[in-house]
Amino acid sequence: MPAVARLPGGDAGDGAIDTAPTAVFEALGDPVRRRLLELLVPGEQPAGALVTALQARVRITQPAVSQHLKVLREAGLVRVRAEGTRRLYAVDDAGTAAARAWLARFEDTFAQPLDALATELARGRRERRRAAGTSGAGEDDTAGATTAVRADGDTAEAAGA
């Protein structure tokens, strides 16, 4: 069940904010924890191997690595299983999927303005070709030209080499 914070004055169902992604992104805010997650991408690793890999890059103790792994586990990004006296860690796909799902909400936010910019740049190139008296039939709008947006919002196009 996701963690829920209540806004002041809120009651059940009113003013609730889903904070489940908060723990994930707070856990990923630390470079050591991001590196631990990167080390686990290829597959399950014993705690000792993770400590050794981290110590090759930074000064860190085994207990500190254990604390970082605990934070990743509590955030749902890492799972652990015991094998005798060893602890084997692996990326928890459910935790990373939840983070991806939360971030996916923003994909269209960035894509639409970039698509609109590309359309406007292509329109400007066509208008300049028409004004210059060339038809541009069969030409690729982007072939041989570099387009830049000037500070005044107009585009400048230079012939490619």
N, C-alpha and C. Protein backbone atom coordinates (compact mmCIF):
# COMPACT_ATOMS: atom_id res chain seq x y z
N MET A 1 0.85 -1.18 0.00
CA MET A 1 0.00 0.00 0.00
C MET A 1 0.88 1.23 0.00
N PRO A 2 0.63 2.23 -0.88
CA PRO A 2 1.50 3.39 -0.96
C PRO A 2 1.36 4.26 0.28
N ALA A 3 2.47 4.91 0.62
CA ALA A 3 2.44 5.83 1.76
C ALA A 3 1.61 7.05 1.38
N VAL A 4 0.82 7.53 2.31
CA VAL A 4 -0.03 8.68 2.05
C VAL A 4 0.21 9.72 3.12
N ALA A 5 0.42 10.96 2.71
CA ALA A 5 0.56 12.07 3.64
C ALA A 5 -0.71 12.88 3.60
N ARG A 6 -1.09 13.42 4.69
CA ARG A 6 -2.28 14.25 4.77
C ARG A 6 -1.88 15.71 4.84
N LEU A 7 -2.56 16.52 4.06
CA LEU A 7 -2.35 17.95 4.15
C LEU A 7 -3.05 18.45 5.40
N PRO A 8 -2.56 19.53 6.00
CA PRO A 8 -3.22 20.05 7.19
C PRO A 8 -4.70 20.32 6.90
N GLY A 9 -5.55 19.90 7.81
CA GLY A 9 -6.99 20.14 7.67
C GLY A 9 -7.69 19.12 6.82
N GLY A 10 -6.95 18.18 6.22
CA GLY A 10 -7.57 17.20 5.35
C GLY A 10 -8.12 16.04 6.14
N ASP A 11 -9.11 15.35 5.58
CA ASP A 11 -9.63 14.15 6.21
C ASP A 11 -9.47 13.00 5.22
N ALA A 12 -9.93 11.84 5.58
CA ALA A 12 -9.80 10.68 4.69
C ALA A 12 -10.43 11.00 3.35
N GLY A 13 -9.67 10.86 2.29
CA GLY A 13 -10.19 11.12 0.95
C GLY A 13 -10.08 12.57 0.52
N ASP A 14 -9.72 13.46 1.43
CA ASP A 14 -9.61 14.87 1.09
C ASP A 14 -8.23 15.38 1.47
N GLY A 15 -7.49 15.89 0.51
CA GLY A 15 -6.18 16.45 0.80
C GLY A 15 -5.07 15.41 0.87
N ALA A 16 -5.33 14.19 0.46
CA ALA A 16 -4.31 13.16 0.50
C ALA A 16 -3.37 13.30 -0.69
N ILE A 17 -2.10 13.11 -0.44
CA ILE A 17 -1.09 13.15 -1.51
C ILE A 17 -0.38 11.81 -1.49
N ASP A 18 -0.32 11.16 -2.65
CA ASP A 18 0.39 9.89 -2.75
C ASP A 18 1.89 10.19 -2.74
N THR A 19 2.59 9.70 -1.72
CA THR A 19 4.02 9.98 -1.60
C THR A 19 4.87 8.76 -1.91
N ALA A 20 4.30 7.71 -2.49
CA ALA A 20 5.07 6.50 -2.80
C ALA A 20 6.31 6.82 -3.64
N PRO A 21 6.22 7.64 -4.71
CA PRO A 21 7.41 7.94 -5.49
C PRO A 21 8.45 8.74 -4.69
N THR A 22 8.01 9.43 -3.66
CA THR A 22 8.93 10.25 -2.88
C THR A 22 10.06 9.41 -2.31
N ALA A 23 9.75 8.27 -1.72
CA ALA A 23 10.78 7.42 -1.13
C ALA A 23 11.76 6.93 -2.20
N VAL A 24 11.24 6.61 -3.37
CA VAL A 24 12.11 6.14 -4.46
C VAL A 24 13.08 7.24 -4.87
N PHE A 25 12.57 8.44 -5.10
CA PHE A 25 13.43 9.51 -5.58
C PHE A 25 14.35 10.04 -4.48
N GLU A 26 13.91 9.99 -3.23
CA GLU A 26 14.81 10.34 -2.13
C GLU A 26 15.95 9.34 -2.05
N ALA A 27 15.65 8.06 -2.21
CA ALA A 27 16.69 7.03 -2.18
C ALA A 27 17.67 7.24 -3.33
N LEU A 28 17.18 7.62 -4.48
CA LEU A 28 18.04 7.82 -5.64
C LEU A 28 18.80 9.14 -5.60
N GLY A 29 18.48 9.98 -4.64
CA GLY A 29 19.15 11.27 -4.52
C GLY A 29 20.59 11.17 -4.06
N ASP A 30 20.98 10.03 -3.54
CA ASP A 30 22.34 9.84 -3.05
C ASP A 30 23.18 9.13 -4.12
N PRO A 31 24.36 9.65 -4.44
CA PRO A 31 25.18 9.04 -5.49
C PRO A 31 25.64 7.61 -5.15
N VAL A 32 25.86 7.32 -3.88
CA VAL A 32 26.27 5.96 -3.50
C VAL A 32 25.14 4.98 -3.77
N ARG A 33 23.91 5.37 -3.46
CA ARG A 33 22.78 4.48 -3.70
C ARG A 33 22.53 4.31 -5.20
N ARG A 34 22.71 5.38 -5.97
CA ARG A 34 22.57 5.24 -7.43
C ARG A 34 23.62 4.27 -7.96
N ARG A 35 24.85 4.36 -7.45
CA ARG A 35 25.92 3.46 -7.89
C ARG A 35 25.60 2.02 -7.50
N LEU A 36 25.06 1.81 -6.28
CA LEU A 36 24.67 0.47 -5.87
C LEU A 36 23.64 -0.10 -6.84
N LEU A 37 22.67 0.71 -7.20
CA LEU A 37 21.64 0.25 -8.13
C LEU A 37 22.25 -0.10 -9.48
N GLU A 38 23.19 0.72 -9.94
CA GLU A 38 23.88 0.44 -11.20
C GLU A 38 24.65 -0.88 -11.13
N LEU A 39 25.27 -1.15 -9.98
CA LEU A 39 26.02 -2.39 -9.82
C LEU A 39 25.10 -3.61 -9.86
N LEU A 40 23.84 -3.41 -9.50
CA LEU A 40 22.89 -4.52 -9.46
C LEU A 40 22.17 -4.76 -10.79
N VAL A 41 22.31 -3.85 -11.73
CA VAL A 41 21.62 -4.00 -13.01
C VAL A 41 21.95 -5.31 -13.72
N PRO A 42 23.22 -5.73 -13.78
CA PRO A 42 23.51 -6.99 -14.48
C PRO A 42 22.90 -8.22 -13.82
N GLY A 43 22.62 -8.14 -12.53
CA GLY A 43 22.03 -9.29 -11.84
C GLY A 43 22.36 -9.30 -10.37
N GLU A 44 21.88 -10.31 -9.72
CA GLU A 44 22.02 -10.47 -8.27
C GLU A 44 23.50 -10.46 -7.86
N GLN A 45 23.78 -9.76 -6.75
CA GLN A 45 25.15 -9.64 -6.26
C GLN A 45 25.18 -9.88 -4.75
N PRO A 46 26.22 -10.53 -4.24
CA PRO A 46 26.36 -10.64 -2.79
C PRO A 46 26.79 -9.31 -2.19
N ALA A 47 26.42 -9.08 -0.94
CA ALA A 47 26.74 -7.82 -0.28
C ALA A 47 28.24 -7.55 -0.30
N GLY A 48 29.06 -8.58 -0.08
CA GLY A 48 30.51 -8.39 -0.07
C GLY A 48 31.05 -7.86 -1.38
N ALA A 49 30.51 -8.34 -2.49
CA ALA A 49 30.96 -7.86 -3.80
C ALA A 49 30.57 -6.40 -4.01
N LEU A 50 29.41 -6.03 -3.51
CA LEU A 50 28.98 -4.63 -3.62
C LEU A 50 29.89 -3.72 -2.81
N VAL A 51 30.23 -4.16 -1.60
CA VAL A 51 31.14 -3.38 -0.75
C VAL A 51 32.48 -3.21 -1.44
N THR A 52 33.03 -4.29 -1.97
CA THR A 52 34.33 -4.24 -2.65
C THR A 52 34.28 -3.29 -3.86
N ALA A 53 33.23 -3.38 -4.65
CA ALA A 53 33.10 -2.52 -5.83
C ALA A 53 33.01 -1.05 -5.43
N LEU A 54 32.27 -0.76 -4.39
CA LEU A 54 32.15 0.63 -3.95
C LEU A 54 33.47 1.14 -3.36
N GLN A 55 34.14 0.29 -2.59
CA GLN A 55 35.40 0.71 -1.96
C GLN A 55 36.48 0.98 -2.99
N ALA A 56 36.35 0.44 -4.17
CA ALA A 56 37.30 0.73 -5.25
C ALA A 56 37.15 2.16 -5.75
N ARG A 57 36.00 2.77 -5.50
CA ARG A 57 35.74 4.13 -6.01
C ARG A 57 35.70 5.18 -4.92
N VAL A 58 35.20 4.82 -3.72
CA VAL A 58 35.07 5.79 -2.64
C VAL A 58 35.45 5.13 -1.31
N ARG A 59 35.79 5.96 -0.34
CA ARG A 59 36.06 5.43 1.00
C ARG A 59 34.71 5.21 1.67
N ILE A 60 34.40 3.96 1.94
CA ILE A 60 33.12 3.63 2.57
C ILE A 60 33.29 2.33 3.34
N THR A 61 32.61 2.23 4.46
CA THR A 61 32.70 1.03 5.28
C THR A 61 31.59 0.05 4.92
N GLN A 62 31.76 -1.19 5.33
CA GLN A 62 30.73 -2.20 5.09
C GLN A 62 29.42 -1.81 5.78
N PRO A 63 29.44 -1.33 7.05
CA PRO A 63 28.16 -0.93 7.66
C PRO A 63 27.46 0.21 6.92
N ALA A 64 28.24 1.12 6.34
CA ALA A 64 27.64 2.22 5.57
C ALA A 64 26.96 1.68 4.32
N VAL A 65 27.59 0.72 3.65
CA VAL A 65 26.99 0.11 2.47
C VAL A 65 25.69 -0.59 2.86
N SER A 66 25.72 -1.29 4.00
CA SER A 66 24.51 -1.97 4.49
C SER A 66 23.38 -0.98 4.73
N GLN A 67 23.70 0.19 5.26
CA GLN A 67 22.67 1.22 5.49
C GLN A 67 22.09 1.71 4.17
N HIS A 68 22.96 1.91 3.19
CA HIS A 68 22.48 2.35 1.88
C HIS A 68 21.59 1.28 1.24
N LEU A 69 21.98 0.02 1.37
CA LEU A 69 21.15 -1.06 0.84
C LEU A 69 19.80 -1.13 1.55
N LYS A 70 19.79 -0.85 2.84
CA LYS A 70 18.54 -0.84 3.60
C LYS A 70 17.60 0.24 3.07
N VAL A 71 18.14 1.43 2.79
CA VAL A 71 17.33 2.52 2.25
C VAL A 71 16.74 2.12 0.90
N LEU A 72 17.56 1.51 0.05
CA LEU A 72 17.08 1.07 -1.27
C LEU A 72 16.01 -0.01 -1.12
N ARG A 73 16.20 -0.90 -0.16
CA ARG A 73 15.20 -1.95 0.10
C ARG A 73 13.89 -1.35 0.57
N GLU A 74 13.95 -0.43 1.51
CA GLU A 74 12.75 0.20 2.05
C GLU A 74 12.02 1.04 1.01
N ALA A 75 12.76 1.56 0.04
CA ALA A 75 12.14 2.34 -1.05
C ALA A 75 11.54 1.42 -2.11
N GLY A 76 11.81 0.12 -2.02
CA GLY A 76 11.26 -0.83 -2.98
C GLY A 76 12.08 -0.97 -4.24
N LEU A 77 13.32 -0.49 -4.22
CA LEU A 77 14.16 -0.56 -5.41
C LEU A 77 15.04 -1.80 -5.44
N VAL A 78 15.27 -2.40 -4.28
CA VAL A 78 16.16 -3.55 -4.17
C VAL A 78 15.47 -4.61 -3.33
N ARG A 79 15.70 -5.87 -3.69
CA ARG A 79 15.21 -6.98 -2.87
C ARG A 79 16.42 -7.79 -2.41
N VAL A 80 16.25 -8.50 -1.31
CA VAL A 80 17.34 -9.28 -0.75
C VAL A 80 16.84 -10.68 -0.45
N ARG A 81 17.74 -11.66 -0.60
CA ARG A 81 17.42 -13.03 -0.20
C ARG A 81 18.64 -13.61 0.48
N ALA A 82 18.38 -14.46 1.45
CA ALA A 82 19.47 -15.10 2.18
C ALA A 82 19.85 -16.41 1.49
N GLU A 83 21.13 -16.64 1.43
CA GLU A 83 21.66 -17.91 0.93
C GLU A 83 22.76 -18.32 1.91
N GLY A 84 22.37 -19.12 2.88
CA GLY A 84 23.31 -19.46 3.96
C GLY A 84 23.58 -18.20 4.77
N THR A 85 24.86 -17.87 4.90
CA THR A 85 25.23 -16.66 5.66
C THR A 85 25.34 -15.43 4.75
N ARG A 86 25.21 -15.63 3.46
CA ARG A 86 25.32 -14.51 2.52
C ARG A 86 23.97 -13.86 2.27
N ARG A 87 24.00 -12.58 1.95
CA ARG A 87 22.81 -11.85 1.53
C ARG A 87 23.03 -11.46 0.08
N LEU A 88 22.08 -11.85 -0.76
CA LEU A 88 22.17 -11.54 -2.18
C LEU A 88 21.15 -10.46 -2.52
N TYR A 89 21.62 -9.41 -3.18
CA TYR A 89 20.78 -8.27 -3.52
C TYR A 89 20.54 -8.22 -5.02
N ALA A 90 19.36 -7.74 -5.38
CA ALA A 90 19.00 -7.61 -6.79
C ALA A 90 18.04 -6.42 -6.93
N VAL A 91 17.98 -5.88 -8.14
CA VAL A 91 17.04 -4.80 -8.43
C VAL A 91 15.63 -5.37 -8.31
N ASP A 92 14.75 -4.65 -7.65
CA ASP A 92 13.35 -5.04 -7.54
C ASP A 92 12.60 -4.40 -8.70
N ASP A 93 12.20 -5.21 -9.66
CA ASP A 93 11.54 -4.70 -10.87
C ASP A 93 10.25 -3.96 -10.55
N ALA A 94 9.55 -4.36 -9.51
CA ALA A 94 8.30 -3.68 -9.14
C ALA A 94 8.57 -2.24 -8.73
N GLY A 95 9.65 -2.02 -7.98
CA GLY A 95 9.99 -0.67 -7.55
C GLY A 95 10.41 0.22 -8.69
N THR A 96 11.22 -0.32 -9.59
CA THR A 96 11.65 0.50 -10.72
C THR A 96 10.49 0.74 -11.69
N ALA A 97 9.57 -0.22 -11.79
CA ALA A 97 8.40 -0.04 -12.66
C ALA A 97 7.51 1.07 -12.11
N ALA A 98 7.38 1.15 -10.80
CA ALA A 98 6.57 2.21 -10.19
C ALA A 98 7.19 3.58 -10.48
N ALA A 99 8.51 3.67 -10.41
CA ALA A 99 9.18 4.94 -10.72
C ALA A 99 9.00 5.30 -12.18
N ARG A 100 9.15 4.31 -13.08
CA ARG A 100 8.94 4.56 -14.52
C ARG A 100 7.52 5.02 -14.79
N ALA A 101 6.55 4.38 -14.15
CA ALA A 101 5.14 4.75 -14.36
C ALA A 101 4.89 6.19 -13.91
N TRP A 102 5.48 6.56 -12.80
CA TRP A 102 5.29 7.93 -12.30
C TRP A 102 5.93 8.93 -13.29
N LEU A 103 7.12 8.63 -13.78
CA LEU A 103 7.79 9.52 -14.72
C LEU A 103 7.11 9.56 -16.08
N ALA A 104 6.46 8.47 -16.47
CA ALA A 104 5.80 8.40 -17.78
C ALA A 104 4.72 9.47 -17.93
N ARG A 105 4.17 9.92 -16.83
CA ARG A 105 3.15 10.97 -16.90
C ARG A 105 3.69 12.25 -17.52
N PHE A 106 5.00 12.42 -17.51
CA PHE A 106 5.60 13.65 -18.00
C PHE A 106 6.10 13.56 -19.43
N GLU A 107 6.07 12.38 -20.03
CA GLU A 107 6.61 12.22 -21.38
C GLU A 107 5.91 13.13 -22.39
N ASP A 108 4.60 13.17 -22.39
CA ASP A 108 3.88 14.02 -23.34
C ASP A 108 4.11 15.49 -23.06
N THR A 109 4.38 15.84 -21.82
CA THR A 109 4.64 17.23 -21.46
C THR A 109 5.83 17.76 -22.23
N PHE A 110 6.85 16.93 -22.43
CA PHE A 110 8.05 17.37 -23.13
C PHE A 110 7.94 17.14 -24.63
N ALA A 111 7.25 16.10 -25.05
CA ALA A 111 7.21 15.75 -26.46
C ALA A 111 6.44 16.75 -27.30
N GLN A 112 5.28 17.20 -26.84
CA GLN A 112 4.43 18.07 -27.64
C GLN A 112 5.11 19.38 -28.01
N PRO A 113 5.71 20.12 -27.07
CA PRO A 113 6.38 21.37 -27.48
C PRO A 113 7.53 21.13 -28.45
N LEU A 114 8.25 20.02 -28.31
CA LEU A 114 9.34 19.73 -29.24
C LEU A 114 8.81 19.40 -30.62
N ASP A 115 7.70 18.69 -30.70
CA ASP A 115 7.08 18.41 -31.99
C ASP A 115 6.61 19.70 -32.66
N ALA A 116 6.04 20.60 -31.88
CA ALA A 116 5.57 21.88 -32.42
C ALA A 116 6.74 22.71 -32.93
N LEU A 117 7.86 22.69 -32.21
CA LEU A 117 9.05 23.42 -32.64
C LEU A 117 9.56 22.86 -33.97
N ALA A 118 9.61 21.55 -34.11
CA ALA A 118 10.06 20.93 -35.36
C ALA A 118 9.16 21.32 -36.52
N THR A 119 7.85 21.37 -36.29
CA THR A 119 6.90 21.77 -37.32
C THR A 119 7.14 23.22 -37.74
N GLU A 120 7.34 24.10 -36.79
CA GLU A 120 7.57 25.52 -37.10
C GLU A 120 8.89 25.71 -37.85
N LEU A 121 9.92 24.97 -37.48
CA LEU A 121 11.20 25.08 -38.19
C LEU A 121 11.05 24.63 -39.63
N ALA A 122 10.34 23.53 -39.86
CA ALA A 122 10.12 23.03 -41.22
C ALA A 122 9.30 24.04 -42.02
N ARG A 123 8.30 24.64 -41.42
CA ARG A 123 7.47 25.64 -42.10
C ARG A 123 8.33 26.83 -42.51
N GLY A 124 9.22 27.27 -41.64
CA GLY A 124 10.10 28.40 -41.96
C GLY A 124 11.02 28.09 -43.12
N ARG A 125 11.55 26.87 -43.16
CA ARG A 125 12.42 26.46 -44.27
C ARG A 125 11.66 26.46 -45.59
N ARG A 126 10.43 25.95 -45.58
CA ARG A 126 9.62 25.92 -46.81
C ARG A 126 9.33 27.35 -47.29
N GLU A 127 8.99 28.23 -46.38
CA GLU A 127 8.67 29.62 -46.76
C GLU A 127 9.89 30.32 -47.34
N ARG A 128 11.07 30.09 -46.78
CA ARG A 128 12.28 30.71 -47.30
C ARG A 128 12.61 30.18 -48.69
N ARG A 129 12.38 28.87 -48.93
CA ARG A 129 12.63 28.30 -50.26
C ARG A 129 11.67 28.90 -51.27
N ARG A 130 10.42 29.05 -50.89
CA ARG A 130 9.43 29.65 -51.81
C ARG A 130 9.81 31.09 -52.12
N ALA A 131 10.22 31.84 -51.12
CA ALA A 131 10.60 33.24 -51.32
C ALA A 131 11.82 33.35 -52.21
N ALA A 132 12.71 32.37 -52.14
CA ALA A 132 13.92 32.38 -52.96
C ALA A 132 13.65 31.87 -54.37
N GLY A 133 12.45 31.33 -54.60
CA GLY A 133 12.08 30.88 -55.93
C GLY A 133 12.43 29.44 -56.24
N THR A 134 12.80 28.66 -55.25
CA THR A 134 13.06 27.24 -55.49
C THR A 134 11.88 26.44 -55.00
N SER A 135 11.60 25.36 -55.72
CA SER A 135 10.44 24.56 -55.38
C SER A 135 10.71 23.64 -54.21
N GLY A 136 11.92 23.12 -54.11
CA GLY A 136 12.26 22.21 -53.03
C GLY A 136 11.62 20.85 -53.21
N ALA A 137 11.11 20.57 -54.39
CA ALA A 137 10.44 19.28 -54.63
C ALA A 137 11.42 18.15 -54.43
N GLY A 138 11.04 17.21 -53.62
CA GLY A 138 11.84 16.03 -53.36
C GLY A 138 12.99 16.26 -52.40
N GLU A 139 13.12 17.47 -51.89
CA GLU A 139 14.20 17.76 -50.95
C GLU A 139 13.79 17.34 -49.55
N ASP A 140 14.78 16.95 -48.80
CA ASP A 140 14.57 16.70 -47.38
C ASP A 140 14.76 18.03 -46.67
N ASP A 141 13.77 18.44 -45.87
CA ASP A 141 13.83 19.74 -45.19
C ASP A 141 15.06 19.89 -44.32
N THR A 142 15.66 18.79 -43.90
CA THR A 142 16.79 18.91 -42.98
C THR A 142 18.13 18.65 -43.66
N ALA A 143 18.15 18.19 -44.90
CA ALA A 143 19.40 17.83 -45.57
C ALA A 143 20.22 19.07 -45.89
N GLY A 144 21.49 19.05 -45.47
CA GLY A 144 22.42 20.09 -45.84
C GLY A 144 22.19 21.43 -45.18
N ALA A 145 21.41 21.52 -44.15
CA ALA A 145 21.17 22.80 -43.50
C ALA A 145 21.21 22.63 -42.00
N THR A 146 21.68 23.68 -41.35
CA THR A 146 21.67 23.72 -39.90
C THR A 146 20.77 24.87 -39.49
N THR A 147 19.81 24.61 -38.64
CA THR A 147 18.88 25.65 -38.23
C THR A 147 19.10 25.96 -36.76
N ALA A 148 19.13 27.24 -36.45
CA ALA A 148 19.27 27.68 -35.06
C ALA A 148 18.17 28.68 -34.77
N VAL A 149 17.71 28.70 -33.54
CA VAL A 149 16.72 29.68 -33.13
C VAL A 149 17.47 30.84 -32.52
N ARG A 150 17.26 32.04 -33.11
CA ARG A 150 17.93 33.23 -32.60
C ARG A 150 17.22 33.74 -31.37
N ALA A 151 17.86 34.67 -30.67
CA ALA A 151 17.29 35.22 -29.43
C ALA A 151 15.96 35.91 -29.68
N ASP A 152 15.74 36.48 -30.89
CA ASP A 152 14.48 37.17 -31.17
C ASP A 152 13.37 36.21 -31.57
N GLY A 153 13.66 34.89 -31.56
CA GLY A 153 12.64 33.89 -31.87
C GLY A 153 12.61 33.45 -33.31
N ASP A 154 13.27 34.20 -34.23
CA ASP A 154 13.33 33.80 -35.63
C ASP A 154 14.36 32.70 -35.78
N THR A 155 14.30 32.03 -36.91
CA THR A 155 15.28 30.98 -37.16
C THR A 155 16.30 31.47 -38.15
N ALA A 156 17.51 30.96 -38.03
CA ALA A 156 18.58 31.26 -38.97
C ALA A 156 19.05 29.95 -39.54
N GLU A 157 19.22 29.90 -40.85
CA GLU A 157 19.61 28.66 -41.50
C GLU A 157 20.91 28.88 -42.27
N ALA A 158 21.85 27.99 -42.07
CA ALA A 158 23.13 28.08 -42.78
C ALA A 158 23.30 26.83 -43.61
N ALA A 159 23.84 26.99 -44.82
CA ALA A 159 24.04 25.84 -45.70
C ALA A 159 25.09 24.93 -45.09
N GLY A 160 24.84 23.62 -45.20
CA GLY A 160 25.79 22.63 -44.67
C GLY A 160 26.96 22.45 -45.62
N ALA A 161 27.97 21.80 -45.08
CA ALA A 161 29.17 21.59 -45.91
C ALA A 161 29.00 20.42 -46.81
